[in-house]
Amino acid sequence: NSSNVMMCVKAHELISKEMDYPLHVGITESGTV
């Protein structure tokens, strides 16, 4: 998780190539509704 949107996107792109465990995805501490 990261509250930085594009950092979070990049991290998921990287980790999806490194392991095959299911991923829980979200932008943490994203803010108000």
ModelCIF file with pLDDT and N, C-alpha, C, O atoms, coordinates in Angstrom:
data_MODEL
#
_entry.id   MODEL 
#
_entity.id                         1 
_entity.type                       polymer 
_entity.pdbx_number_of_molecules   1 
#
_entity_poly.entity_id                      1 
_entity_poly.type                           'polypeptide(L)' 
_entity_poly.nstd_linkage                   no 
_entity_poly.nstd_monomer                   no 
_entity_poly.pdbx_seq_one_letter_code       NSSNVMMCVKAHELISKEMDYPLHVGITESGTV 
_entity_poly.pdbx_seq_one_letter_code_can   NSSNVMMCVKAHELISKEMDYPLHVGITESGTV 
_entity_poly.pdbx_strand_id                 A 
#
loop_
_entity_poly_seq.entity_id 
_entity_poly_seq.num 
_entity_poly_seq.mon_id 
_entity_poly_seq.hetero 
1 1  ASN n 
1 2  SER n 
1 3  SER n 
1 4  ASN n 
1 5  VAL n 
1 6  MET n 
1 7  MET n 
1 8  CYS n 
1 9  VAL n 
1 10 LYS n 
1 11 ALA n 
1 12 HIS n 
1 13 GLU n 
1 14 LEU n 
1 15 ILE n 
1 16 SER n 
1 17 LYS n 
1 18 GLU n 
1 19 MET n 
1 20 ASP n 
1 21 TYR n 
1 22 PRO n 
1 23 LEU n 
1 24 HIS n 
1 25 VAL n 
1 26 GLY n 
1 27 ILE n 
1 28 THR n 
1 29 GLU n 
1 30 SER n 
1 31 GLY n 
1 32 THR n 
1 33 VAL n 
#
_struct_asym.id          A 
_struct_asym.entity_id   1 
#
loop_
_ma_qa_metric.id 
_ma_qa_metric.mode 
_ma_qa_metric.name 
_ma_qa_metric.software_group_id 
_ma_qa_metric.type 
1 global pLDDT . pLDDT 
2 local  pLDDT . pLDDT 
#
_ma_qa_metric_global.metric_id      1 
_ma_qa_metric_global.metric_value   90.58 
_ma_qa_metric_global.model_id       1 
_ma_qa_metric_global.ordinal_id     1 
#
loop_
_ma_qa_metric_local.label_asym_id 
_ma_qa_metric_local.label_comp_id 
_ma_qa_metric_local.label_seq_id 
_ma_qa_metric_local.metric_id 
_ma_qa_metric_local.metric_value 
_ma_qa_metric_local.model_id 
_ma_qa_metric_local.ordinal_id 
A ASN 1  2 86.00 1 1  
A SER 2  2 85.00 1 2  
A SER 3  2 83.00 1 3  
A ASN 4  2 89.00 1 4  
A VAL 5  2 93.00 1 5  
A MET 6  2 93.00 1 6  
A MET 7  2 92.00 1 7  
A CYS 8  2 93.00 1 8  
A VAL 9  2 95.00 1 9  
A LYS 10 2 95.00 1 10 
A ALA 11 2 94.00 1 11 
A HIS 12 2 96.00 1 12 
A GLU 13 2 95.00 1 13 
A LEU 14 2 95.00 1 14 
A ILE 15 2 95.00 1 15 
A SER 16 2 94.00 1 16 
A LYS 17 2 93.00 1 17 
A GLU 18 2 90.00 1 18 
A MET 19 2 93.00 1 19 
A ASP 20 2 93.00 1 20 
A TYR 21 2 96.00 1 21 
A PRO 22 2 96.00 1 22 
A LEU 23 2 96.00 1 23 
A HIS 24 2 96.00 1 24 
A VAL 25 2 95.00 1 25 
A GLY 26 2 91.00 1 26 
A ILE 27 2 89.00 1 27 
A THR 28 2 80.00 1 28 
A GLU 29 2 76.00 1 29 
A SER 30 2 71.00 1 30 
A GLY 31 2 81.00 1 31 
A THR 32 2 90.00 1 32 
A VAL 33 2 90.00 1 33 
#
loop_
_atom_site.group_PDB 
_atom_site.id 
_atom_site.type_symbol 
_atom_site.label_atom_id 
_atom_site.label_alt_id 
_atom_site.label_comp_id 
_atom_site.label_asym_id 
_atom_site.label_entity_id 
_atom_site.label_seq_id 
_atom_site.pdbx_PDB_ins_code 
_atom_site.Cartn_x 
_atom_site.Cartn_y 
_atom_site.Cartn_z 
_atom_site.occupancy 
_atom_site.B_iso_or_equiv 
_atom_site.pdbx_formal_charge 
_atom_site.auth_seq_id 
_atom_site.auth_comp_id 
_atom_site.auth_asym_id 
_atom_site.auth_atom_id 
_atom_site.pdbx_PDB_model_num 
ATOM 1   N N  . ASN A 1 1  ? 0.807   -1.213  0.000   1.00 86.00 ? 1  ASN A N  1 
ATOM 2   C CA . ASN A 1 1  ? 0.000   0.000   0.000   1.00 86.00 ? 1  ASN A CA 1 
ATOM 3   C C  . ASN A 1 1  ? 0.842   1.267   0.000   1.00 86.00 ? 1  ASN A C  1 
ATOM 4   O O  . ASN A 1 1  ? 1.917   1.330   0.597   1.00 86.00 ? 1  ASN A O  1 
ATOM 5   N N  . SER A 1 2  ? 0.317   2.270   -0.690  1.00 85.00 ? 2  SER A N  1 
ATOM 6   C CA . SER A 1 2  ? 0.907   3.600   -0.656  1.00 85.00 ? 2  SER A CA 1 
ATOM 7   C C  . SER A 1 2  ? -0.188  4.608   -0.928  1.00 85.00 ? 2  SER A C  1 
ATOM 8   O O  . SER A 1 2  ? -1.113  4.333   -1.692  1.00 85.00 ? 2  SER A O  1 
ATOM 9   N N  . SER A 1 3  ? -0.094  5.770   -0.311  1.00 83.00 ? 3  SER A N  1 
ATOM 10  C CA . SER A 1 3  ? -1.050  6.841   -0.593  1.00 83.00 ? 3  SER A CA 1 
ATOM 11  C C  . SER A 1 3  ? -0.660  7.618   -1.841  1.00 83.00 ? 3  SER A C  1 
ATOM 12  O O  . SER A 1 3  ? -1.426  8.445   -2.336  1.00 83.00 ? 3  SER A O  1 
ATOM 13  N N  . ASN A 1 4  ? 0.556   7.342   -2.350  1.00 89.00 ? 4  ASN A N  1 
ATOM 14  C CA . ASN A 1 4  ? 1.006   7.925   -3.616  1.00 89.00 ? 4  ASN A CA 1 
ATOM 15  C C  . ASN A 1 4  ? 0.491   7.038   -4.746  1.00 89.00 ? 4  ASN A C  1 
ATOM 16  O O  . ASN A 1 4  ? 0.930   5.899   -4.905  1.00 89.00 ? 4  ASN A O  1 
ATOM 17  N N  . VAL A 1 5  ? -0.432  7.566   -5.518  1.00 93.00 ? 5  VAL A N  1 
ATOM 18  C CA . VAL A 1 5  ? -1.150  6.745   -6.486  1.00 93.00 ? 5  VAL A CA 1 
ATOM 19  C C  . VAL A 1 5  ? -0.211  6.059   -7.476  1.00 93.00 ? 5  VAL A C  1 
ATOM 20  O O  . VAL A 1 5  ? -0.268  4.840   -7.637  1.00 93.00 ? 5  VAL A O  1 
ATOM 21  N N  . MET A 1 6  ? 0.640   6.818   -8.130  1.00 93.00 ? 6  MET A N  1 
ATOM 22  C CA . MET A 1 6  ? 1.465   6.226   -9.181  1.00 93.00 ? 6  MET A CA 1 
ATOM 23  C C  . MET A 1 6  ? 2.573   5.336   -8.613  1.00 93.00 ? 6  MET A C  1 
ATOM 24  O O  . MET A 1 6  ? 3.013   4.396   -9.276  1.00 93.00 ? 6  MET A O  1 
ATOM 25  N N  . MET A 1 7  ? 3.025   5.626   -7.392  1.00 92.00 ? 7  MET A N  1 
ATOM 26  C CA . MET A 1 7  ? 3.965   4.712   -6.736  1.00 92.00 ? 7  MET A CA 1 
ATOM 27  C C  . MET A 1 7  ? 3.285   3.375   -6.482  1.00 92.00 ? 7  MET A C  1 
ATOM 28  O O  . MET A 1 7  ? 3.882   2.314   -6.667  1.00 92.00 ? 7  MET A O  1 
ATOM 29  N N  . CYS A 1 8  ? 2.042   3.438   -6.062  1.00 93.00 ? 8  CYS A N  1 
ATOM 30  C CA . CYS A 1 8  ? 1.285   2.218   -5.794  1.00 93.00 ? 8  CYS A CA 1 
ATOM 31  C C  . CYS A 1 8  ? 1.088   1.410   -7.078  1.00 93.00 ? 8  CYS A C  1 
ATOM 32  O O  . CYS A 1 8  ? 1.219   0.186   -7.081  1.00 93.00 ? 8  CYS A O  1 
ATOM 33  N N  . VAL A 1 9  ? 0.773   2.112   -8.161  1.00 95.00 ? 9  VAL A N  1 
ATOM 34  C CA . VAL A 1 9  ? 0.611   1.436   -9.457  1.00 95.00 ? 9  VAL A CA 1 
ATOM 35  C C  . VAL A 1 9  ? 1.904   0.732   -9.853  1.00 95.00 ? 9  VAL A C  1 
ATOM 36  O O  . VAL A 1 9  ? 1.892   -0.439  -10.232 1.00 95.00 ? 9  VAL A O  1 
ATOM 37  N N  . LYS A 1 10 ? 3.014   1.451   -9.761  1.00 95.00 ? 10 LYS A N  1 
ATOM 38  C CA . LYS A 1 10 ? 4.304   0.883   -10.137 1.00 95.00 ? 10 LYS A CA 1 
ATOM 39  C C  . LYS A 1 10 ? 4.660   -0.320  -9.270  1.00 95.00 ? 10 LYS A C  1 
ATOM 40  O O  . LYS A 1 10 ? 5.156   -1.328  -9.774  1.00 95.00 ? 10 LYS A O  1 
ATOM 41  N N  . ALA A 1 11 ? 4.411   -0.215  -7.986  1.00 94.00 ? 11 ALA A N  1 
ATOM 42  C CA . ALA A 1 11 ? 4.727   -1.319  -7.074  1.00 94.00 ? 11 ALA A CA 1 
ATOM 43  C C  . ALA A 1 11 ? 3.943   -2.575  -7.445  1.00 94.00 ? 11 ALA A C  1 
ATOM 44  O O  . ALA A 1 11 ? 4.481   -3.680  -7.388  1.00 94.00 ? 11 ALA A O  1 
ATOM 45  N N  . HIS A 1 12 ? 2.682   -2.412  -7.822  1.00 96.00 ? 12 HIS A N  1 
ATOM 46  C CA . HIS A 1 12 ? 1.885   -3.575  -8.210  1.00 96.00 ? 12 HIS A CA 1 
ATOM 47  C C  . HIS A 1 12 ? 2.361   -4.168  -9.528  1.00 96.00 ? 12 HIS A C  1 
ATOM 48  O O  . HIS A 1 12 ? 2.343   -5.385  -9.711  1.00 96.00 ? 12 HIS A O  1 
ATOM 49  N N  . GLU A 1 13 ? 2.783   -3.313  -10.436 1.00 95.00 ? 13 GLU A N  1 
ATOM 50  C CA . GLU A 1 13 ? 3.343   -3.820  -11.691 1.00 95.00 ? 13 GLU A CA 1 
ATOM 51  C C  . GLU A 1 13 ? 4.585   -4.669  -11.422 1.00 95.00 ? 13 GLU A C  1 
ATOM 52  O O  . GLU A 1 13 ? 4.784   -5.709  -12.050 1.00 95.00 ? 13 GLU A O  1 
ATOM 53  N N  . LEU A 1 14 ? 5.409   -4.217  -10.491 1.00 95.00 ? 14 LEU A N  1 
ATOM 54  C CA . LEU A 1 14 ? 6.644   -4.941  -10.171 1.00 95.00 ? 14 LEU A CA 1 
ATOM 55  C C  . LEU A 1 14 ? 6.358   -6.246  -9.442  1.00 95.00 ? 14 LEU A C  1 
ATOM 56  O O  . LEU A 1 14 ? 6.906   -7.290  -9.795  1.00 95.00 ? 14 LEU A O  1 
ATOM 57  N N  . ILE A 1 15 ? 5.500   -6.190  -8.427  1.00 95.00 ? 15 ILE A N  1 
ATOM 58  C CA . ILE A 1 15 ? 5.314   -7.385  -7.597  1.00 95.00 ? 15 ILE A CA 1 
ATOM 59  C C  . ILE A 1 15 ? 4.559   -8.478  -8.340  1.00 95.00 ? 15 ILE A C  1 
ATOM 60  O O  . ILE A 1 15 ? 4.732   -9.660  -8.043  1.00 95.00 ? 15 ILE A O  1 
ATOM 61  N N  . SER A 1 16 ? 3.724   -8.098  -9.304  1.00 94.00 ? 16 SER A N  1 
ATOM 62  C CA . SER A 1 16 ? 2.978   -9.107  -10.058 1.00 94.00 ? 16 SER A CA 1 
ATOM 63  C C  . SER A 1 16 ? 3.908   -9.985  -10.890 1.00 94.00 ? 16 SER A C  1 
ATOM 64  O O  . SER A 1 16 ? 3.531   -11.082 -11.301 1.00 94.00 ? 16 SER A O  1 
ATOM 65  N N  . LYS A 1 17 ? 5.124   -9.499  -11.137 1.00 93.00 ? 17 LYS A N  1 
ATOM 66  C CA . LYS A 1 17 ? 6.116   -10.271 -11.884 1.00 93.00 ? 17 LYS A CA 1 
ATOM 67  C C  . LYS A 1 17 ? 7.004   -11.107 -10.964 1.00 93.00 ? 17 LYS A C  1 
ATOM 68  O O  . LYS A 1 17 ? 7.781   -11.943 -11.426 1.00 93.00 ? 17 LYS A O  1 
ATOM 69  N N  . GLU A 1 18 ? 6.881   -10.871 -9.660  1.00 90.00 ? 18 GLU A N  1 
ATOM 70  C CA . GLU A 1 18 ? 7.780   -11.505 -8.698  1.00 90.00 ? 18 GLU A CA 1 
ATOM 71  C C  . GLU A 1 18 ? 7.141   -12.670 -7.941  1.00 90.00 ? 18 GLU A C  1 
ATOM 72  O O  . GLU A 1 18 ? 7.853   -13.550 -7.456  1.00 90.00 ? 18 GLU A O  1 
ATOM 73  N N  . MET A 1 19 ? 5.815   -12.687 -7.833  1.00 93.00 ? 19 MET A N  1 
ATOM 74  C CA . MET A 1 19 ? 5.158   -13.735 -7.061  1.00 93.00 ? 19 MET A CA 1 
ATOM 75  C C  . MET A 1 19 ? 3.756   -13.975 -7.580  1.00 93.00 ? 19 MET A C  1 
ATOM 76  O O  . MET A 1 19 ? 3.182   -13.133 -8.270  1.00 93.00 ? 19 MET A O  1 
ATOM 77  N N  . ASP A 1 20 ? 3.202   -15.148 -7.237  1.00 93.00 ? 20 ASP A N  1 
ATOM 78  C CA . ASP A 1 20 ? 1.874   -15.492 -7.733  1.00 93.00 ? 20 ASP A CA 1 
ATOM 79  C C  . ASP A 1 20 ? 0.832   -15.591 -6.614  1.00 93.00 ? 20 ASP A C  1 
ATOM 80  O O  . ASP A 1 20 ? -0.227  -16.193 -6.795  1.00 93.00 ? 20 ASP A O  1 
ATOM 81  N N  . TYR A 1 21 ? 1.139   -14.997 -5.464  1.00 96.00 ? 21 TYR A N  1 
ATOM 82  C CA . TYR A 1 21 ? 0.122   -14.933 -4.414  1.00 96.00 ? 21 TYR A CA 1 
ATOM 83  C C  . TYR A 1 21 ? -0.972  -13.939 -4.827  1.00 96.00 ? 21 TYR A C  1 
ATOM 84  O O  . TYR A 1 21 ? -0.679  -12.955 -5.507  1.00 96.00 ? 21 TYR A O  1 
ATOM 85  N N  . PRO A 1 22 ? -2.224  -14.181 -4.427  1.00 96.00 ? 22 PRO A N  1 
ATOM 86  C CA . PRO A 1 22 ? -3.268  -13.204 -4.738  1.00 96.00 ? 22 PRO A CA 1 
ATOM 87  C C  . PRO A 1 22 ? -2.964  -11.867 -4.087  1.00 96.00 ? 22 PRO A C  1 
ATOM 88  O O  . PRO A 1 22 ? -2.430  -11.810 -2.980  1.00 96.00 ? 22 PRO A O  1 
ATOM 89  N N  . LEU A 1 23 ? -3.310  -10.794 -4.784  1.00 96.00 ? 23 LEU A N  1 
ATOM 90  C CA . LEU A 1 23 ? -3.000  -9.444  -4.321  1.00 96.00 ? 23 LEU A CA 1 
ATOM 91  C C  . LEU A 1 23 ? -4.253  -8.720  -3.882  1.00 96.00 ? 23 LEU A C  1 
ATOM 92  O O  . LEU A 1 23 ? -5.253  -8.677  -4.599  1.00 96.00 ? 23 LEU A O  1 
ATOM 93  N N  . HIS A 1 24 ? -4.182  -8.146  -2.680  1.00 96.00 ? 24 HIS A N  1 
ATOM 94  C CA . HIS A 1 24 ? -5.206  -7.231  -2.189  1.00 96.00 ? 24 HIS A CA 1 
ATOM 95  C C  . HIS A 1 24 ? -4.776  -5.825  -2.610  1.00 96.00 ? 24 HIS A C  1 
ATOM 96  O O  . HIS A 1 24 ? -3.693  -5.368  -2.244  1.00 96.00 ? 24 HIS A O  1 
ATOM 97  N N  . VAL A 1 25 ? -5.622  -5.143  -3.377  1.00 95.00 ? 25 VAL A N  1 
ATOM 98  C CA . VAL A 1 25 ? -5.237  -3.878  -3.993  1.00 95.00 ? 25 VAL A CA 1 
ATOM 99  C C  . VAL A 1 25 ? -6.047  -2.724  -3.416  1.00 95.00 ? 25 VAL A C  1 
ATOM 100 O O  . VAL A 1 25 ? -7.261  -2.826  -3.239  1.00 95.00 ? 25 VAL A O  1 
ATOM 101 N N  . GLY A 1 26 ? -5.360  -1.634  -3.127  1.00 91.00 ? 26 GLY A N  1 
ATOM 102 C CA . GLY A 1 26 ? -6.036  -0.419  -2.667  1.00 91.00 ? 26 GLY A CA 1 
ATOM 103 C C  . GLY A 1 26 ? -5.054  0.727   -2.584  1.00 91.00 ? 26 GLY A C  1 
ATOM 104 O O  . GLY A 1 26 ? -3.846  0.523   -2.459  1.00 91.00 ? 26 GLY A O  1 
ATOM 105 N N  . ILE A 1 27 ? -5.583  1.930   -2.656  1.00 89.00 ? 27 ILE A N  1 
ATOM 106 C CA . ILE A 1 27 ? -4.774  3.127   -2.430  1.00 89.00 ? 27 ILE A CA 1 
ATOM 107 C C  . ILE A 1 27 ? -4.987  3.517   -0.974  1.00 89.00 ? 27 ILE A C  1 
ATOM 108 O O  . ILE A 1 27 ? -6.056  4.011   -0.615  1.00 89.00 ? 27 ILE A O  1 
ATOM 109 N N  . THR A 1 28 ? -3.990  3.303   -0.143  1.00 80.00 ? 28 THR A N  1 
ATOM 110 C CA . THR A 1 28 ? -4.187  3.501   1.289   1.00 80.00 ? 28 THR A CA 1 
ATOM 111 C C  . THR A 1 28 ? -4.300  4.988   1.630   1.00 80.00 ? 28 THR A C  1 
ATOM 112 O O  . THR A 1 28 ? -3.721  5.840   0.954   1.00 80.00 ? 28 THR A O  1 
ATOM 113 N N  . GLU A 1 29 ? -5.046  5.278   2.677   1.00 76.00 ? 29 GLU A N  1 
ATOM 114 C CA . GLU A 1 29 ? -5.176  6.648   3.176   1.00 76.00 ? 29 GLU A CA 1 
ATOM 115 C C  . GLU A 1 29 ? -5.465  7.624   2.038   1.00 76.00 ? 29 GLU A C  1 
ATOM 116 O O  . GLU A 1 29 ? -4.856  8.690   1.944   1.00 76.00 ? 29 GLU A O  1 
ATOM 117 N N  . SER A 1 30 ? -6.402  7.239   1.181   1.00 71.00 ? 30 SER A N  1 
ATOM 118 C CA . SER A 1 30 ? -6.633  8.023   -0.039  1.00 71.00 ? 30 SER A CA 1 
ATOM 119 C C  . SER A 1 30 ? -7.360  9.333   0.217   1.00 71.00 ? 30 SER A C  1 
ATOM 120 O O  . SER A 1 30 ? -7.259  10.260  -0.587  1.00 71.00 ? 30 SER A O  1 
ATOM 121 N N  . GLY A 1 31 ? -8.100  9.428   1.338   1.00 81.00 ? 31 GLY A N  1 
ATOM 122 C CA . GLY A 1 31 ? -8.722  10.699  1.662   1.00 81.00 ? 31 GLY A CA 1 
ATOM 123 C C  . GLY A 1 31 ? -10.220 10.591  1.868   1.00 81.00 ? 31 GLY A C  1 
ATOM 124 O O  . GLY A 1 31 ? -10.745 9.516   2.159   1.00 81.00 ? 31 GLY A O  1 
ATOM 125 N N  . THR A 1 32 ? -10.895 11.703  1.717   1.00 90.00 ? 32 THR A N  1 
ATOM 126 C CA . THR A 1 32 ? -12.337 11.790  1.929   1.00 90.00 ? 32 THR A CA 1 
ATOM 127 C C  . THR A 1 32 ? -13.090 11.045  0.832   1.00 90.00 ? 32 THR A C  1 
ATOM 128 O O  . THR A 1 32 ? -12.491 10.545  -0.121  1.00 90.00 ? 32 THR A O  1 
ATOM 129 N N  . VAL A 1 33 ? -14.408 10.980  0.981   1.00 90.00 ? 33 VAL A N  1 
ATOM 130 C CA . VAL A 1 33 ? -15.219 10.300  -0.026  1.00 90.00 ? 33 VAL A CA 1 
ATOM 131 C C  . VAL A 1 33 ? -14.983 10.904  -1.404  1.00 90.00 ? 33 VAL A C  1 
ATOM 132 O O  . VAL A 1 33 ? -15.581 10.460  -2.384  1.00 90.00 ? 33 VAL A O  1 
#
